[in-house]
Amino acid sequence: MDIRRIIAIMDVSHLTRRTIERSLREIDRRALNAMVLVKRHGNKLASYGVVAQAFREQAVLLKDAAMPLQQSIAPLVRVHMRILQNTQFSEMFGRAAQIAGGKKAAVEYLRNSENNWHRNTAAEEEEGLTILRRLIETVIRLQEGIAEQEYVVTNGRIEAALSEHTGAPLMRVSHEMGLAVAKVRDAIWRYRSKLEEVLHESRAGI
């Protein structure tokens, strides 16, 4: 896992987090708008009020589920920095062993040191892959939450269609909430694709 992949993950993580935060604020605002409409029309829109409340609650759950995305980046960067350091030490001892020439004891010591640093590097690389796999698992759980939010959007559109006289504004609110959810969904899909691409390249040693 080279520095370019780490930088790519950092960039896409930052962009994804910002997209999610903006979209969730938009979702919450639209849900509040819907609840204002519900309150204004009383019992006629009670069913839609349940939908709007579910939308807000689900948005909070999505926000909490998204927190580990950024939190996983720092450990991944630290592991990579240790990998770079271990690789440099391994190469340094390897070059020193070549320079030592016929000094058998010195060469043996230097080669052992080189191998130790090489083993440390392999262990750190495996830890980095483990962190990356956990991050992908977090993204998958977040996608499941987004699917539930989309289900709520569908219910909202159904309730809006069934509401007489107030159906148009509610349908507009539902549509706008759906757009906000779609932004989160698309951002997460792009993020997952990038993470899986990096994982594949790291396994293949590309």
C-alpha atoms as a PDB file:
ATOM      1  CA  MET A   1       0.000   0.000   0.000  1.00  0.00           C
ATOM      2  CA  ASP A   2       1.966   3.034  -1.211  1.00  0.00           C
ATOM      3  CA  ILE A   3       1.619   6.697  -0.286  1.00  0.00           C
ATOM      4  CA  ARG A   4      -0.476   7.499  -3.369  1.00  0.00           C
ATOM      5  CA  ARG A   5      -3.171   5.067  -2.269  1.00  0.00           C
ATOM      6  CA  ILE A   6      -3.211   6.488   1.241  1.00  0.00           C
ATOM      7  CA  ILE A   7      -3.545  10.036  -0.116  1.00  0.00           C
ATOM      8  CA  ALA A   8      -6.348   8.881  -2.428  1.00  0.00           C
ATOM      9  CA  ILE A   9      -8.205   7.339   0.540  1.00  0.00           C
ATOM     10  CA  MET A  10      -7.709  10.514   2.607  1.00  0.00           C
ATOM     11  CA  ASP A  11      -9.065  12.691  -0.199  1.00  0.00           C
ATOM     12  CA  VAL A  12     -12.126  10.561  -0.920  1.00  0.00           C
ATOM     13  CA  SER A  13     -12.807  10.143   2.821  1.00  0.00           C
ATOM     14  CA  HIS A  14     -12.825  13.901   3.337  1.00  0.00           C
ATOM     15  CA  LEU A  15     -15.075  14.471   0.316  1.00  0.00           C
ATOM     16  CA  THR A  16     -17.471  11.701   1.365  1.00  0.00           C
ATOM     17  CA  ARG A  17     -17.724  12.989   4.932  1.00  0.00           C
ATOM     18  CA  ARG A  18     -18.521  16.518   3.727  1.00  0.00           C
ATOM     19  CA  THR A  19     -21.145  15.225   1.288  1.00  0.00           C
ATOM     20  CA  ILE A  20     -22.796  13.157   4.007  1.00  0.00           C
ATOM     21  CA  GLU A  21     -22.824  16.040   6.493  1.00  0.00           C
ATOM     22  CA  ARG A  22     -24.357  18.476   3.997  1.00  0.00           C
ATOM     23  CA  SER A  23     -26.930  15.961   2.807  1.00  0.00           C
ATOM     24  CA  LEU A  24     -27.969  14.953   6.319  1.00  0.00           C
ATOM     25  CA  ARG A  25     -28.475  18.608   7.256  1.00  0.00           C
ATOM     26  CA  GLU A  26     -30.638  18.944   4.157  1.00  0.00           C
ATOM     27  CA  ILE A  27     -32.587  15.824   5.101  1.00  0.00           C
ATOM     28  CA  ASP A  28     -33.222  17.172   8.586  1.00  0.00           C
ATOM     29  CA  ARG A  29     -34.345  20.545   7.218  1.00  0.00           C
ATOM     30  CA  ARG A  30     -36.767  18.936   4.781  1.00  0.00           C
ATOM     31  CA  ALA A  31     -38.152  16.675   7.499  1.00  0.00           C
ATOM     32  CA  LEU A  32     -38.743  19.741   9.697  1.00  0.00           C
ATOM     33  CA  ASN A  33     -40.550  21.444   6.820  1.00  0.00           C
ATOM     34  CA  ALA A  34     -42.762  18.399   6.476  1.00  0.00           C
ATOM     35  CA  MET A  35     -43.519  18.387  10.206  1.00  0.00           C
ATOM     36  CA  VAL A  36     -44.511  22.078  10.022  1.00  0.00           C
ATOM     37  CA  LEU A  37     -46.966  21.218   7.249  1.00  0.00           C
ATOM     38  CA  VAL A  38     -48.284  18.326   9.304  1.00  0.00           C
ATOM     39  CA  LYS A  39     -48.803  20.528  12.358  1.00  0.00           C
ATOM     40  CA  ARG A  40     -50.561  23.140  10.255  1.00  0.00           C
ATOM     41  CA  HIS A  41     -53.091  20.652   8.900  1.00  0.00           C
ATOM     42  CA  GLY A  42     -53.635  18.641  12.062  1.00  0.00           C
ATOM     43  CA  ASN A  43     -54.935  15.084  11.998  1.00  0.00           C
ATOM     44  CA  LYS A  44     -55.334  15.089   8.215  1.00  0.00           C
ATOM     45  CA  LEU A  45     -51.572  14.560   7.851  1.00  0.00           C
ATOM     46  CA  ALA A  46     -50.905  12.497  10.948  1.00  0.00           C
ATOM     47  CA  SER A  47     -49.596   9.587   8.874  1.00  0.00           C
ATOM     48  CA  TYR A  48     -47.095  11.816   7.110  1.00  0.00           C
ATOM     49  CA  GLY A  49     -45.987  13.167  10.479  1.00  0.00           C
ATOM     50  CA  VAL A  50     -44.910   9.645  11.422  1.00  0.00           C
ATOM     51  CA  VAL A  51     -42.916   9.443   8.181  1.00  0.00           C
ATOM     52  CA  ALA A  52     -41.227  12.806   8.752  1.00  0.00           C
ATOM     53  CA  GLN A  53     -40.245  11.827  12.288  1.00  0.00           C
ATOM     54  CA  ALA A  54     -38.857   8.514  11.047  1.00  0.00           C
ATOM     55  CA  PHE A  55     -36.858  10.425   8.466  1.00  0.00           C
ATOM     56  CA  ARG A  56     -35.235  12.617  11.115  1.00  0.00           C
ATOM     57  CA  GLU A  57     -34.484   9.659  13.362  1.00  0.00           C
ATOM     58  CA  GLN A  58     -32.942   7.710  10.499  1.00  0.00           C
ATOM     59  CA  ALA A  59     -30.811  10.725   9.559  1.00  0.00           C
ATOM     60  CA  VAL A  60     -29.372  10.757  13.103  1.00  0.00           C
ATOM     61  CA  LEU A  61     -28.562   7.052  12.814  1.00  0.00           C
ATOM     62  CA  LEU A  62     -26.834   7.649   9.474  1.00  0.00           C
ATOM     63  CA  LYS A  63     -24.764  10.454  10.977  1.00  0.00           C
ATOM     64  CA  ASP A  64     -23.626   8.188  13.818  1.00  0.00           C
ATOM     65  CA  ALA A  65     -22.877   5.361  11.375  1.00  0.00           C
ATOM     66  CA  ALA A  66     -20.731   7.714   9.265  1.00  0.00           C
ATOM     67  CA  MET A  67     -18.512   8.787  12.182  1.00  0.00           C
ATOM     68  CA  PRO A  68     -16.079   5.821  11.956  1.00  0.00           C
ATOM     69  CA  LEU A  69     -15.324   6.620   8.312  1.00  0.00           C
ATOM     70  CA  GLN A  70     -13.016   9.522   9.135  1.00  0.00           C
ATOM     71  CA  GLN A  71     -11.844   8.008  12.425  1.00  0.00           C
ATOM     72  CA  SER A  72     -10.347   5.031  10.579  1.00  0.00           C
ATOM     73  CA  ILE A  73      -8.118   7.191   8.392  1.00  0.00           C
ATOM     74  CA  ALA A  74      -5.644   8.286  11.088  1.00  0.00           C
ATOM     75  CA  PRO A  75      -4.761   4.677  12.118  1.00  0.00           C
ATOM     76  CA  LEU A  76      -4.355   3.788   8.448  1.00  0.00           C
ATOM     77  CA  VAL A  77      -1.951   6.697   7.901  1.00  0.00           C
ATOM     78  CA  ARG A  78       0.049   5.806  11.029  1.00  0.00           C
ATOM     79  CA  VAL A  79       0.413   2.201   9.889  1.00  0.00           C
ATOM     80  CA  HIS A  80       1.577   3.364   6.481  1.00  0.00           C
ATOM     81  CA  MET A  81       4.175   5.704   7.989  1.00  0.00           C
ATOM     82  CA  ARG A  82       5.541   2.777  10.013  1.00  0.00           C
ATOM     83  CA  ILE A  83       5.668   0.704   6.828  1.00  0.00           C
ATOM     84  CA  LEU A  84       7.724   3.391   5.118  1.00  0.00           C
ATOM     85  CA  GLN A  85      10.071   3.586   8.104  1.00  0.00           C
ATOM     86  CA  ASN A  86      10.496  -0.197   8.320  1.00  0.00           C
ATOM     87  CA  THR A  87      11.157  -0.413   4.588  1.00  0.00           C
ATOM     88  CA  GLN A  88      13.845   2.258   4.830  1.00  0.00           C
ATOM     89  CA  PHE A  89      15.587   0.440   7.702  1.00  0.00           C
ATOM     90  CA  SER A  90      15.386  -2.883   5.847  1.00  0.00           C
ATOM     91  CA  GLU A  91      16.959  -1.353   2.744  1.00  0.00           C
ATOM     92  CA  MET A  92      19.617   0.411   4.835  1.00  0.00           C
ATOM     93  CA  PHE A  93      20.746  -2.841   6.487  1.00  0.00           C
ATOM     94  CA  GLY A  94      20.661  -4.600   3.112  1.00  0.00           C
ATOM     95  CA  ARG A  95      22.995  -2.030   1.583  1.00  0.00           C
ATOM     96  CA  ALA A  96      25.262  -2.176   4.649  1.00  0.00           C
ATOM     97  CA  ALA A  97      25.491  -5.982   4.277  1.00  0.00           C
ATOM     98  CA  GLN A  98      26.628  -5.558   0.689  1.00  0.00           C
ATOM     99  CA  ILE A  99      29.259  -3.031   1.726  1.00  0.00           C
ATOM    100  CA  ALA A 100      30.522  -5.291   4.541  1.00  0.00           C
ATOM    101  CA  GLY A 101      31.770  -7.707   1.912  1.00  0.00           C
ATOM    102  CA  GLY A 102      33.814 -10.587   3.345  1.00  0.00           C
ATOM    103  CA  LYS A 103      33.224  -9.773   7.007  1.00  0.00           C
ATOM    104  CA  LYS A 104      31.062 -12.807   7.731  1.00  0.00           C
ATOM    105  CA  ALA A 105      29.918 -11.910  11.277  1.00  0.00           C
ATOM    106  CA  ALA A 106      29.017  -8.374  10.269  1.00  0.00           C
ATOM    107  CA  VAL A 107      27.162  -9.551   7.158  1.00  0.00           C
ATOM    108  CA  GLU A 108      25.205 -12.110   9.164  1.00  0.00           C
ATOM    109  CA  TYR A 109      24.179  -9.480  11.735  1.00  0.00           C
ATOM    110  CA  LEU A 110      23.176  -7.014   9.031  1.00  0.00           C
ATOM    111  CA  ARG A 111      21.194  -9.613   7.076  1.00  0.00           C
ATOM    112  CA  ASN A 112      19.350 -10.683  10.239  1.00  0.00           C
ATOM    113  CA  SER A 113      18.504  -7.048  10.944  1.00  0.00           C
ATOM    114  CA  GLU A 114      17.328  -6.593   7.369  1.00  0.00           C
ATOM    115  CA  ASN A 115      15.055  -9.647   7.660  1.00  0.00           C
ATOM    116  CA  ASN A 116      13.643  -8.444  11.001  1.00  0.00           C
ATOM    117  CA  TRP A 117      12.679  -5.091   9.522  1.00  0.00           C
ATOM    118  CA  HIS A 118      11.231  -6.887   6.518  1.00  0.00           C
ATOM    119  CA  ARG A 119       9.042  -9.032   8.805  1.00  0.00           C
ATOM    120  CA  ASN A 120       7.937  -5.907  10.666  1.00  0.00           C
ATOM    121  CA  THR A 121       6.934  -4.368   7.352  1.00  0.00           C
ATOM    122  CA  ALA A 122       4.887  -7.438   6.401  1.00  0.00           C
ATOM    123  CA  ALA A 123       3.094  -7.358   9.768  1.00  0.00           C
ATOM    124  CA  GLU A 124       2.296  -3.645   9.390  1.00  0.00           C
ATOM    125  CA  GLU A 125       1.015  -4.191   5.856  1.00  0.00           C
ATOM    126  CA  GLU A 126      -1.349  -6.877   7.137  1.00  0.00           C
ATOM    127  CA  GLU A 127      -2.585  -4.510   9.864  1.00  0.00           C
ATOM    128  CA  GLY A 128      -3.190  -1.844   7.229  1.00  0.00           C
ATOM    129  CA  LEU A 129      -5.249  -4.293   5.183  1.00  0.00           C
ATOM    130  CA  THR A 130      -7.228  -5.237   8.306  1.00  0.00           C
ATOM    131  CA  ILE A 131      -8.070  -1.566   8.958  1.00  0.00           C
ATOM    132  CA  LEU A 132      -9.084  -1.180   5.317  1.00  0.00           C
ATOM    133  CA  ARG A 133     -11.361  -4.234   5.502  1.00  0.00           C
ATOM    134  CA  ARG A 134     -13.030  -2.884   8.660  1.00  0.00           C
ATOM    135  CA  LEU A 135     -13.554   0.441   6.936  1.00  0.00           C
ATOM    136  CA  ILE A 136     -15.280  -1.308   4.035  1.00  0.00           C
ATOM    137  CA  GLU A 137     -17.492  -3.200   6.509  1.00  0.00           C
ATOM    138  CA  THR A 138     -18.467   0.141   8.078  1.00  0.00           C
ATOM    139  CA  VAL A 139     -19.362   1.492   4.635  1.00  0.00           C
ATOM    140  CA  ILE A 140     -21.521  -1.566   3.927  1.00  0.00           C
ATOM    141  CA  ARG A 141     -23.453  -1.013   7.184  1.00  0.00           C
ATOM    142  CA  LEU A 142     -23.912   2.615   6.219  1.00  0.00           C
ATOM    143  CA  GLN A 143     -25.302   1.536   2.863  1.00  0.00           C
ATOM    144  CA  GLU A 144     -27.839  -0.625   4.689  1.00  0.00           C
ATOM    145  CA  GLY A 145     -28.940   2.451   6.652  1.00  0.00           C
ATOM    146  CA  ILE A 146     -29.277   4.422   3.437  1.00  0.00           C
ATOM    147  CA  ALA A 147     -31.496   1.686   2.002  1.00  0.00           C
ATOM    148  CA  GLU A 148     -33.763   2.055   5.043  1.00  0.00           C
ATOM    149  CA  GLN A 149     -33.849   5.817   4.535  1.00  0.00           C
ATOM    150  CA  GLU A 150     -34.855   5.308   0.902  1.00  0.00           C
ATOM    151  CA  TYR A 151     -37.684   3.064   2.111  1.00  0.00           C
ATOM    152  CA  VAL A 152     -38.894   5.928   4.324  1.00  0.00           C
ATOM    153  CA  VAL A 153     -38.753   8.259   1.304  1.00  0.00           C
ATOM    154  CA  THR A 154     -40.965   5.869  -0.627  1.00  0.00           C
ATOM    155  CA  ASN A 155     -43.463   5.780   2.248  1.00  0.00           C
ATOM    156  CA  GLY A 156     -43.430   9.570   2.331  1.00  0.00           C
ATOM    157  CA  ARG A 157     -44.282   9.782  -1.349  1.00  0.00           C
ATOM    158  CA  ILE A 158     -47.133   7.334  -0.887  1.00  0.00           C
ATOM    159  CA  GLU A 159     -48.543   9.315   2.046  1.00  0.00           C
ATOM    160  CA  ALA A 160     -48.160  12.562   0.102  1.00  0.00           C
ATOM    161  CA  ALA A 161     -50.038  11.074  -2.850  1.00  0.00           C
ATOM    162  CA  LEU A 162     -52.873  10.046  -0.526  1.00  0.00           C
ATOM    163  CA  SER A 163     -53.135  13.483   1.112  1.00  0.00           C
ATOM    164  CA  GLU A 164     -55.892  15.648  -0.310  1.00  0.00           C
ATOM    165  CA  HIS A 165     -55.236  19.359  -0.955  1.00  0.00           C
ATOM    166  CA  THR A 166     -51.792  19.236   0.722  1.00  0.00           C
ATOM    167  CA  GLY A 167     -50.390  16.460  -1.444  1.00  0.00           C
ATOM    168  CA  ALA A 168     -48.406  18.785  -3.757  1.00  0.00           C
ATOM    169  CA  PRO A 169     -46.231  20.481  -1.084  1.00  0.00           C
ATOM    170  CA  LEU A 170     -45.692  17.182   0.693  1.00  0.00           C
ATOM    171  CA  MET A 171     -44.739  15.511  -2.564  1.00  0.00           C
ATOM    172  CA  ARG A 172     -42.209  18.289  -3.172  1.00  0.00           C
ATOM    173  CA  VAL A 173     -40.744  17.834   0.300  1.00  0.00           C
ATOM    174  CA  SER A 174     -40.550  14.072  -0.223  1.00  0.00           C
ATOM    175  CA  HIS A 175     -38.862  14.572  -3.579  1.00  0.00           C
ATOM    176  CA  GLU A 176     -36.264  16.913  -2.075  1.00  0.00           C
ATOM    177  CA  MET A 177     -35.579  14.489   0.773  1.00  0.00           C
ATOM    178  CA  GLY A 178     -35.154  11.749  -1.789  1.00  0.00           C
ATOM    179  CA  LEU A 179     -32.577  13.821  -3.664  1.00  0.00           C
ATOM    180  CA  ALA A 180     -30.619  14.389  -0.449  1.00  0.00           C
ATOM    181  CA  VAL A 181     -30.621  10.665   0.315  1.00  0.00           C
ATOM    182  CA  ALA A 182     -29.505   9.920  -3.249  1.00  0.00           C
ATOM    183  CA  LYS A 183     -26.471  12.191  -2.769  1.00  0.00           C
ATOM    184  CA  VAL A 184     -25.438  10.217   0.305  1.00  0.00           C
ATOM    185  CA  ARG A 185     -26.059   6.913  -1.474  1.00  0.00           C
ATOM    186  CA  ASP A 186     -23.961   7.893  -4.511  1.00  0.00           C
ATOM    187  CA  ALA A 187     -21.124   9.298  -2.374  1.00  0.00           C
ATOM    188  CA  ILE A 188     -20.963   6.102  -0.329  1.00  0.00           C
ATOM    189  CA  TRP A 189     -20.973   3.905  -3.427  1.00  0.00           C
ATOM    190  CA  ARG A 190     -18.056   5.898  -4.874  1.00  0.00           C
ATOM    191  CA  TYR A 191     -16.236   5.657  -1.546  1.00  0.00           C
ATOM    192  CA  ARG A 192     -16.743   1.910  -1.290  1.00  0.00           C
ATOM    193  CA  SER A 193     -15.552   1.437  -4.877  1.00  0.00           C
ATOM    194  CA  LYS A 194     -12.359   3.372  -4.138  1.00  0.00           C
ATOM    195  CA  LEU A 195     -11.662   1.433  -0.940  1.00  0.00           C
ATOM    196  CA  GLU A 196     -12.221  -1.908  -2.666  1.00  0.00           C
ATOM    197  CA  GLU A 197      -9.975  -0.806  -5.532  1.00  0.00           C
ATOM    198  CA  VAL A 198      -7.165   0.049  -3.089  1.00  0.00           C
ATOM    199  CA  LEU A 199      -7.694  -3.235  -1.226  1.00  0.00           C
ATOM    200  CA  HIS A 200      -7.474  -5.201  -4.485  1.00  0.00           C
ATOM    201  CA  GLU A 201      -4.316  -3.374  -5.590  1.00  0.00           C
ATOM    202  CA  SER A 202      -2.699  -3.870  -2.191  1.00  0.00           C
ATOM    203  CA  ARG A 203      -3.416  -7.613  -2.215  1.00  0.00           C
ATOM    204  CA  ALA A 204      -2.083  -7.903  -5.746  1.00  0.00           C
ATOM    205  CA  GLY A 205       1.008  -5.857  -4.904  1.00  0.00           C
ATOM    206  CA  ILE A 206       0.313  -3.421  -7.735  1.00  0.00           C
END
